[in-house]
Amino acid sequence: MSKFFAVFLPKRERKARKINSTEDEGKRFYRKRKFWWIFATILLFVLLVGGVFAYKTGRVLNKISDKDNTVFGSLLGTFGGGGLEDEDGRTNILLLGIRGQNLPGGGLLADSIMVVSLLENEGKVAMISIPRDLYVKMPKESYHTKINAVYARGEDGWRKEGMEDMKAVIGEVTGLKIHYAAVMNFEGFRKLIDAVGGVPVTLSTPFYETTQFVEGNECGGEFTLPQGTSTLNGEQALCYVRARENTSDFDRAKRQQVLLQALKDKLISMGTLTDFSKVNNILDAVGENVRTDMSTREMREFYDKYGKLNDITMHRRVFENSPEGLLMVPQDAPASAGYILIPREGYDNYSAIHEVCRDIFTLPEQSDIDPAKQFVKPRSKEKKTDEKKVNDKKNKTESSIKNKKTANKKTDSNSAK
């Protein structure tokens, strides 16, 4: 109607209305164009960030994998077929924790040796810890060594087969086919814990380690944690899972299992894997400090299957030399071997360990793991000093005996001449 009556308006007014109408259409067009430019800019930014992030993810996964991957292939790996290797629905992954290559104190010795066993159909996970002092036969060789040295020996020289050697030995010890392996150094562990914002640990009594870190002034010299729940940062978590002199290697293995579970819970918690900065920090943490024989596709498959599971039945086992344990200290240990452990059935007889590893999902729990219950009263500095004096005296005596023997040999040799 308004257009009909507008015909009867004076010519000047009709012209003014037409100009105003044209201006309104121009403003509307400008507003629409501005909106689409803003929308396109935001979309481009999201795609750019997402693309860079996806590229970085693929590059990092490709870097830590020993498999022959390409970055492009790793980006598309999720859409590939196949799945994780398994045996009767069970996938076994060997996890190794090392100090770090080229670091003092045995940089490639395995401080942590754990098999994570995944039973997909039943939503069950088992963590099986092997003590570092277990005496095993070195693959492809005729001699025995402590199991924590197998990876280091395999990496020495030109072979670089430490991971494969460890998989072979652990397979022999546990009776399980080890499908995959991953190695992380101390720096990667520390950065990973910091990247997720720390992990909580609950202790029923205070925790102390007063001797292990004093000499190298690590962990503040004397490492302690209070009773109750504490959120550990990367450095604290690393000290906690390394401490063993006030307790034992077996107790340390139990603490490693508890902390690994806490880390897994933190990784899949709300907000961790949807926080861009946290995920970026996680990628930075693992990029230079983790090595695995999983392909990028298998890593994604692993996360898709197990990383998002909340309802998991956890089974834990630490092999030890307690009265009920399956290991013992041999009376006839070679002098050069130092402190070692062997199966109670004898050297290289792992039949009892095989049964436990095979049936771990149906066996009763070993015991409730309270990481603070392994607390041992800290040794006084005086006692430690006394022990050092005794050891020094012993070393001097042994050195003196050796020197005398050498001198006698020289005398006998001269006499013979």
Protein backbone atom coordinates (compact mmCIF):
# COMPACT_ATOMS: atom_id res chain seq x y z
CA MET A 1 0.00 0.00 0.00
CA SER A 2 2.78 2.40 0.88
CA LYS A 3 4.26 2.00 -2.61
CA PHE A 4 0.81 2.66 -4.18
CA PHE A 5 0.26 5.89 -2.25
CA ALA A 6 3.83 6.97 -2.85
CA VAL A 7 2.85 7.55 -6.49
CA PHE A 8 0.68 10.51 -5.44
CA LEU A 9 3.50 12.18 -3.47
CA PRO A 10 5.25 15.24 -4.90
CA LYS A 11 8.12 14.44 -7.27
CA ARG A 12 10.77 15.96 -4.96
CA GLU A 13 9.65 13.84 -1.99
CA ARG A 14 9.50 10.68 -4.11
CA LYS A 15 13.09 11.33 -5.23
CA ALA A 16 14.25 11.86 -1.61
CA ARG A 17 12.62 8.60 -0.51
CA LYS A 18 14.30 6.72 -3.38
CA ILE A 19 17.71 8.07 -2.34
CA ASN A 20 17.12 7.08 1.30
CA SER A 21 16.02 3.61 0.21
CA THR A 22 19.18 3.20 -1.88
CA GLU A 23 21.31 4.31 1.08
CA ASP A 24 19.56 1.77 3.38
CA GLU A 25 20.20 -1.03 0.89
CA GLY A 26 23.85 0.03 0.69
CA LYS A 27 24.19 -0.06 4.45
CA ARG A 28 22.54 -3.48 4.62
CA PHE A 29 24.85 -4.77 1.90
CA TYR A 30 27.89 -3.35 3.71
CA ARG A 31 26.81 -4.94 7.01
CA LYS A 32 26.30 -8.32 5.30
CA ARG A 33 29.64 -8.08 3.57
CA LYS A 34 31.35 -7.12 6.86
CA PHE A 35 29.72 -10.08 8.62
CA TRP A 36 30.89 -12.53 5.96
CA TRP A 37 34.40 -11.10 6.03
CA ILE A 38 34.53 -11.54 9.82
CA PHE A 39 33.10 -15.05 9.53
CA ALA A 40 35.56 -15.99 6.77
CA THR A 41 38.48 -14.59 8.78
CA ILE A 42 37.49 -16.58 11.88
CA LEU A 43 36.95 -19.72 9.81
CA LEU A 44 40.31 -19.28 8.09
CA PHE A 45 42.00 -18.78 11.46
CA VAL A 46 40.38 -21.92 12.90
CA LEU A 47 41.35 -23.96 9.83
CA LEU A 48 44.87 -22.57 9.89
CA VAL A 49 45.38 -23.28 13.61
CA GLY A 50 43.73 -26.67 13.27
CA GLY A 51 45.87 -27.50 10.26
CA VAL A 52 49.09 -26.41 11.96
CA PHE A 53 48.08 -28.33 15.09
CA ALA A 54 47.21 -31.44 13.07
CA TYR A 55 50.50 -31.15 11.19
CA LYS A 56 52.43 -30.79 14.46
CA THR A 57 50.61 -33.77 15.95
CA GLY A 58 51.44 -35.87 12.92
CA ARG A 59 55.04 -34.69 12.87
CA VAL A 60 55.56 -35.48 16.58
CA LEU A 61 53.94 -38.91 16.31
CA ASN A 62 56.02 -39.61 13.24
CA LYS A 63 59.16 -38.50 15.07
CA ILE A 64 58.75 -40.74 18.12
CA SER A 65 57.77 -43.78 16.04
CA ASP A 66 60.45 -46.15 14.77
CA LYS A 67 58.10 -47.27 12.02
CA ASP A 68 58.52 -45.96 8.46
CA ASN A 69 55.84 -43.26 8.50
CA THR A 70 55.28 -40.07 6.57
CA VAL A 71 53.76 -36.93 8.06
CA PHE A 72 50.98 -36.96 5.46
CA GLY A 73 50.32 -40.62 6.14
CA SER A 74 50.19 -39.98 9.87
CA LEU A 75 47.55 -37.30 9.37
CA LEU A 76 45.39 -39.77 7.46
CA GLY A 77 46.25 -42.73 9.68
CA THR A 78 43.00 -42.51 11.61
CA PHE A 79 41.02 -43.44 8.50
CA GLY A 80 43.18 -46.49 7.72
CA GLY A 81 42.04 -50.02 8.38
CA GLY A 82 43.51 -52.60 10.70
CA GLY A 83 43.85 -52.33 14.45
CA LEU A 84 46.23 -53.03 17.28
CA GLU A 85 48.15 -56.28 17.32
CA ASP A 86 46.77 -58.71 19.89
CA GLU A 87 46.63 -62.31 21.01
CA ASP A 88 43.14 -63.54 21.90
CA GLY A 89 42.03 -59.91 22.29
CA ARG A 90 44.95 -59.03 24.58
CA THR A 91 47.53 -56.40 23.64
CA ASN A 92 50.79 -56.21 25.62
CA ILE A 93 52.88 -53.03 25.67
CA LEU A 94 56.30 -52.76 27.30
CA LEU A 95 57.04 -49.41 28.98
CA LEU A 96 60.62 -48.48 29.87
CA GLY A 97 61.80 -45.50 31.88
CA ILE A 98 65.43 -44.41 31.44
CA ARG A 99 67.56 -41.54 32.71
CA GLY A 100 68.41 -40.33 29.22
CA GLN A 101 71.07 -40.94 26.59
CA ASN A 102 74.52 -39.43 27.29
CA LEU A 103 73.59 -38.62 30.89
CA PRO A 104 75.84 -39.81 33.75
CA GLY A 105 74.84 -42.68 36.02
CA GLY A 106 73.90 -45.13 33.27
CA GLY A 107 71.75 -43.02 30.98
CA LEU A 108 70.28 -45.99 29.08
CA LEU A 109 69.73 -48.30 32.06
CA ALA A 110 66.03 -49.03 32.60
CA ASP A 111 64.91 -47.65 35.97
CA SER A 112 61.32 -48.68 35.27
CA ILE A 113 60.24 -51.89 33.49
CA MET A 114 56.51 -52.44 33.18
CA VAL A 115 54.18 -54.43 30.93
CA VAL A 116 50.76 -52.86 30.38
CA SER A 117 48.34 -55.56 29.27
CA LEU A 118 45.04 -54.50 27.68
CA LEU A 119 41.99 -56.75 27.37
CA GLU A 120 39.78 -54.77 25.01
CA ASN A 121 36.51 -56.71 25.08
CA GLU A 122 36.31 -56.77 28.88
CA GLY A 123 37.65 -53.28 29.56
CA LYS A 124 40.45 -54.62 31.77
CA VAL A 125 44.01 -53.35 32.14
CA ALA A 126 46.92 -55.01 33.97
CA MET A 127 50.22 -53.45 35.02
CA ILE A 128 53.04 -55.95 35.59
CA SER A 129 56.34 -54.62 36.99
CA ILE A 130 59.62 -56.49 36.56
CA PRO A 131 62.45 -55.69 39.04
CA ARG A 132 65.57 -54.18 37.54
CA ASP A 133 67.87 -56.69 39.28
CA LEU A 134 66.38 -59.79 37.62
CA TYR A 135 69.24 -61.84 36.16
CA VAL A 136 68.50 -62.79 32.55
CA LYS A 137 70.24 -64.13 29.47
CA MET A 138 71.18 -61.46 26.97
CA PRO A 139 69.49 -62.07 23.58
CA LYS A 140 71.78 -63.40 20.84
CA GLU A 141 74.57 -63.78 23.42
CA SER A 142 75.81 -66.51 25.76
CA TYR A 143 76.16 -64.40 28.91
CA HIS A 144 73.69 -63.20 31.58
CA THR A 145 73.13 -59.66 32.84
CA LYS A 146 70.71 -57.65 34.94
CA ILE A 147 67.53 -56.98 33.01
CA ASN A 148 67.88 -53.21 33.41
CA ALA A 149 71.06 -53.36 31.29
CA VAL A 150 69.53 -55.20 28.32
CA TYR A 151 68.25 -52.06 26.59
CA ALA A 152 71.55 -50.23 27.11
CA ARG A 153 73.60 -53.15 25.80
CA GLY A 154 71.31 -53.49 22.79
CA GLU A 155 71.71 -49.79 21.95
CA ASP A 156 75.49 -49.90 22.32
CA GLY A 157 77.51 -49.92 19.12
CA TRP A 158 76.01 -50.22 15.67
CA ARG A 159 73.08 -52.61 16.29
CA LYS A 160 70.63 -50.21 18.00
CA GLU A 161 68.30 -53.08 18.87
CA GLY A 162 67.73 -52.27 22.53
CA MET A 163 63.96 -52.14 22.21
CA GLU A 164 63.75 -55.44 20.35
CA ASP A 165 66.13 -57.07 22.84
CA MET A 166 64.00 -55.92 25.77
CA LYS A 167 60.82 -57.18 24.10
CA ALA A 168 62.45 -60.57 23.57
CA VAL A 169 63.66 -60.85 27.18
CA ILE A 170 60.39 -59.64 28.70
CA GLY A 171 58.51 -62.08 26.48
CA GLU A 172 60.66 -64.92 27.80
CA VAL A 173 60.23 -63.82 31.43
CA THR A 174 56.46 -63.26 31.32
CA GLY A 175 55.47 -65.83 28.71
CA LEU A 176 53.54 -63.07 26.90
CA LYS A 177 53.96 -61.88 23.34
CA ILE A 178 55.05 -58.27 23.63
CA HIS A 179 53.39 -56.46 20.75
CA TYR A 180 54.75 -52.94 21.29
CA ALA A 181 57.30 -51.04 23.35
CA ALA A 182 57.81 -47.41 24.35
CA VAL A 183 60.77 -45.73 26.04
CA MET A 184 60.59 -42.40 27.91
CA ASN A 185 63.45 -40.55 29.57
CA PHE A 186 63.35 -38.55 32.80
CA GLU A 187 63.02 -35.21 31.01
CA GLY A 188 59.98 -36.40 29.06
CA PHE A 189 58.31 -37.71 32.21
CA ARG A 190 58.94 -34.44 34.05
CA LYS A 191 57.59 -32.32 31.19
CA LEU A 192 54.57 -34.57 30.67
CA ILE A 193 53.50 -34.26 34.32
CA ASP A 194 53.90 -30.48 34.15
CA ALA A 195 51.99 -30.34 30.84
CA VAL A 196 48.86 -31.87 32.41
CA GLY A 197 49.07 -29.60 35.44
CA GLY A 198 50.50 -32.14 37.89
CA VAL A 199 49.06 -35.38 39.28
CA PRO A 200 47.46 -36.07 42.68
CA VAL A 201 48.91 -38.61 45.14
CA THR A 202 47.29 -39.54 48.45
CA LEU A 203 49.47 -40.81 51.31
CA SER A 204 48.30 -42.22 54.65
CA THR A 205 51.64 -41.30 56.26
CA PRO A 206 54.49 -38.97 55.27
CA PHE A 207 56.97 -40.20 52.66
CA TYR A 208 60.73 -39.83 53.05
CA GLU A 209 63.79 -40.47 50.92
CA THR A 210 66.79 -39.21 52.87
CA THR A 211 69.75 -41.01 51.32
CA GLN A 212 69.42 -41.65 47.58
CA PHE A 213 69.61 -38.08 46.28
CA VAL A 214 72.08 -36.56 48.76
CA GLU A 215 75.30 -37.31 46.89
CA GLY A 216 74.18 -35.82 43.58
CA ASN A 217 72.10 -33.11 45.30
CA GLU A 218 69.04 -34.20 43.33
CA CYS A 219 65.46 -33.65 44.52
CA GLY A 220 66.68 -31.17 47.11
CA GLY A 221 68.99 -33.75 48.68
CA GLU A 222 66.34 -35.16 51.01
CA PHE A 223 62.94 -35.70 49.39
CA THR A 224 59.76 -35.71 51.50
CA LEU A 225 56.00 -35.60 50.92
CA PRO A 226 53.38 -34.87 53.60
CA GLN A 227 50.51 -37.07 54.69
CA GLY A 228 47.28 -36.52 52.74
CA THR A 229 46.68 -35.56 49.12
CA SER A 230 49.32 -33.60 47.24
CA THR A 231 49.44 -32.52 43.61
CA LEU A 232 52.93 -33.33 42.40
CA ASN A 233 54.65 -31.29 39.72
CA GLY A 234 57.02 -32.91 37.24
CA GLU A 235 60.12 -32.73 39.42
CA GLN A 236 58.31 -34.04 42.52
CA ALA A 237 56.66 -36.87 40.58
CA LEU A 238 60.02 -37.92 39.11
CA CYS A 239 61.66 -37.97 42.55
CA TYR A 240 58.71 -39.94 43.94
CA VAL A 241 58.92 -42.71 41.32
CA ARG A 242 62.73 -42.89 41.51
CA ALA A 243 63.07 -43.13 45.30
CA ARG A 244 64.04 -46.61 46.52
CA GLU A 245 66.91 -46.55 49.04
CA ASN A 246 64.74 -45.88 52.12
CA THR A 247 62.27 -48.48 50.82
CA SER A 248 63.02 -50.92 47.96
CA ASP A 249 62.88 -51.38 44.22
CA PHE A 250 59.62 -53.36 44.65
CA ASP A 251 57.94 -50.51 46.53
CA ARG A 252 59.16 -48.09 43.91
CA ALA A 253 57.50 -50.24 41.23
CA LYS A 254 54.20 -50.04 43.13
CA ARG A 255 54.47 -46.26 43.32
CA GLN A 256 55.19 -46.12 39.59
CA GLN A 257 52.00 -48.07 38.90
CA VAL A 258 49.92 -45.77 41.10
CA LEU A 259 51.36 -42.64 39.49
CA LEU A 260 50.86 -44.03 35.97
CA GLN A 261 47.19 -44.60 36.79
CA ALA A 262 46.91 -41.04 38.14
CA LEU A 263 48.54 -39.68 34.97
CA LYS A 264 46.16 -41.67 32.77
CA ASP A 265 43.18 -40.31 34.73
CA LYS A 266 44.49 -36.77 34.37
CA LEU A 267 45.09 -37.15 30.63
CA ILE A 268 41.49 -38.21 29.93
CA SER A 269 39.94 -35.84 32.46
CA MET A 270 37.62 -33.09 31.29
CA GLY A 271 39.60 -30.22 29.88
CA THR A 272 43.05 -31.76 29.50
CA LEU A 273 42.83 -33.02 25.92
CA THR A 274 40.50 -30.21 24.84
CA ASP A 275 42.84 -27.49 26.11
CA PHE A 276 44.99 -26.44 23.13
CA SER A 277 47.87 -25.12 25.25
CA LYS A 278 48.00 -28.31 27.35
CA VAL A 279 47.95 -30.58 24.32
CA ASN A 280 50.63 -28.44 22.69
CA ASN A 281 52.79 -28.79 25.81
CA ILE A 282 52.19 -32.56 25.84
CA LEU A 283 53.38 -32.78 22.23
CA ASP A 284 56.47 -30.75 23.10
CA ALA A 285 57.15 -33.05 26.08
CA VAL A 286 57.05 -36.29 24.12
CA GLY A 287 58.59 -35.09 20.86
CA GLU A 288 62.23 -35.25 21.97
CA ASN A 289 61.91 -37.69 24.85
CA VAL A 290 59.84 -40.69 23.76
CA ARG A 291 60.56 -43.55 21.37
CA THR A 292 58.16 -46.31 20.33
CA ASP A 293 57.77 -49.02 17.72
CA MET A 294 54.07 -48.20 17.29
CA SER A 295 53.10 -46.64 13.98
CA THR A 296 51.21 -43.34 14.04
CA ARG A 297 48.04 -45.20 13.07
CA GLU A 298 48.49 -47.65 15.93
CA MET A 299 49.05 -44.81 18.40
CA ARG A 300 45.76 -43.23 17.34
CA GLU A 301 44.05 -46.62 17.48
CA PHE A 302 45.39 -47.12 20.99
CA TYR A 303 44.04 -43.76 22.16
CA ASP A 304 40.66 -44.28 20.50
CA LYS A 305 40.22 -47.65 22.21
CA TYR A 306 41.68 -47.08 25.65
CA GLY A 307 42.35 -43.39 26.16
CA LYS A 308 38.66 -42.54 26.42
CA LEU A 309 37.63 -45.42 28.71
CA ASN A 310 36.59 -44.33 32.19
CA ASP A 311 35.22 -47.62 33.51
CA ILE A 312 38.37 -49.76 33.65
CA THR A 313 39.11 -52.68 35.95
CA MET A 314 42.76 -52.35 36.95
CA HIS A 315 44.95 -55.31 37.95
CA ARG A 316 48.45 -54.74 39.37
CA ARG A 317 51.34 -57.10 40.02
CA VAL A 318 54.91 -56.52 41.20
CA PHE A 319 57.24 -59.53 41.19
CA GLU A 320 59.38 -59.55 44.35
CA ASN A 321 61.42 -61.71 46.72
CA SER A 322 59.13 -61.58 49.77
CA PRO A 323 58.26 -64.92 51.49
CA GLU A 324 55.24 -65.14 49.16
CA GLY A 325 57.12 -63.79 46.15
CA LEU A 326 58.28 -65.70 43.10
CA LEU A 327 61.84 -64.37 43.14
CA MET A 328 64.85 -64.93 45.41
CA VAL A 329 68.47 -63.90 45.90
CA PRO A 330 70.64 -66.85 44.79
CA GLN A 331 73.30 -68.18 47.14
CA ASP A 332 75.56 -69.08 44.22
CA ALA A 333 75.42 -65.73 42.42
CA PRO A 334 78.50 -64.91 40.33
CA ALA A 335 80.78 -62.50 42.18
CA SER A 336 80.82 -60.14 39.21
CA ALA A 337 77.01 -59.94 39.06
CA GLY A 338 76.49 -58.05 42.32
CA TYR A 339 73.00 -58.09 43.81
CA ILE A 340 70.70 -60.13 41.55
CA LEU A 341 67.33 -61.88 41.63
CA ILE A 342 66.31 -65.15 39.99
CA PRO A 343 63.09 -67.22 39.95
CA ARG A 344 62.60 -69.49 42.98
CA GLU A 345 62.58 -72.45 40.58
CA GLY A 346 66.13 -71.60 39.52
CA TYR A 347 68.03 -69.69 36.87
CA ASP A 348 65.95 -68.95 33.74
CA ASN A 349 62.95 -70.99 35.01
CA TYR A 350 60.00 -68.61 34.63
CA SER A 351 57.15 -71.15 34.70
CA ALA A 352 55.50 -69.73 37.85
CA ILE A 353 55.79 -66.17 36.52
CA HIS A 354 54.23 -67.30 33.23
CA GLU A 355 51.16 -68.61 35.10
CA VAL A 356 50.65 -65.34 36.97
CA CYS A 357 51.02 -63.22 33.83
CA ARG A 358 48.69 -65.49 31.86
CA ASP A 359 45.95 -65.51 34.54
CA ILE A 360 46.43 -62.01 35.95
CA PHE A 361 42.90 -60.88 35.03
CA THR A 362 41.34 -63.69 37.10
CA LEU A 363 43.75 -63.74 40.07
CA PRO A 364 42.97 -61.95 43.35
CA GLU A 365 44.68 -58.62 43.81
CA GLN A 366 48.23 -58.80 45.13
CA SER A 367 47.47 -56.37 47.95
CA ASP A 368 46.10 -52.88 48.33
CA ILE A 369 48.83 -50.56 47.22
CA ASP A 370 49.37 -47.72 49.66
CA PRO A 371 52.52 -45.97 48.46
CA ALA A 372 53.16 -44.60 51.96
CA LYS A 373 53.06 -47.96 53.76
CA GLN A 374 56.51 -48.81 52.51
CA PHE A 375 57.98 -46.06 54.67
CA VAL A 376 61.19 -47.04 56.42
CA LYS A 377 62.59 -44.90 59.19
CA PRO A 378 65.24 -42.64 57.64
CA ARG A 379 68.78 -43.70 58.38
CA SER A 380 70.69 -41.13 60.38
CA LYS A 381 73.51 -39.28 58.70
CA GLU A 382 75.84 -40.62 61.39
CA LYS A 383 74.95 -44.21 60.46
CA LYS A 384 75.43 -43.45 56.78
CA THR A 385 78.84 -41.90 57.58
CA ASP A 386 79.83 -44.96 59.60
CA GLU A 387 78.85 -47.24 56.72
CA LYS A 388 80.91 -45.11 54.34
CA LYS A 389 83.93 -45.40 56.65
CA VAL A 390 83.51 -49.18 56.79
CA ASN A 391 83.26 -49.38 52.99
CA ASP A 392 86.27 -47.10 52.55
CA LYS A 393 88.27 -49.21 54.99
CA LYS A 394 87.20 -52.37 53.17
CA ASN A 395 88.21 -50.90 49.81
CA LYS A 396 91.61 -49.81 51.18
CA THR A 397 92.20 -53.27 52.63
CA GLU A 398 91.29 -54.96 49.33
CA SER A 399 93.51 -52.52 47.45
CA SER A 400 96.39 -53.20 49.85
CA ILE A 401 96.02 -56.97 49.38
CA LYS A 402 96.03 -56.57 45.58
CA ASN A 403 99.16 -54.40 45.73
CA LYS A 404 100.94 -56.95 47.92
CA LYS A 405 100.02 -59.77 45.53
CA THR A 406 101.33 -57.74 42.60
CA ALA A 407 104.56 -56.98 44.45
CA ASN A 408 105.02 -60.66 45.34
CA LYS A 409 104.49 -61.68 41.72
CA LYS A 410 107.14 -59.20 40.59
CA THR A 411 109.56 -60.48 43.26
CA ASP A 412 108.96 -64.09 42.22
CA SER A 413 109.47 -63.14 38.59
CA ASN A 414 112.77 -61.40 39.35
CA SER A 415 113.93 -64.35 41.43
CA ALA A 416 113.17 -66.71 38.58
CA LYS A 417 115.28 -64.60 36.29
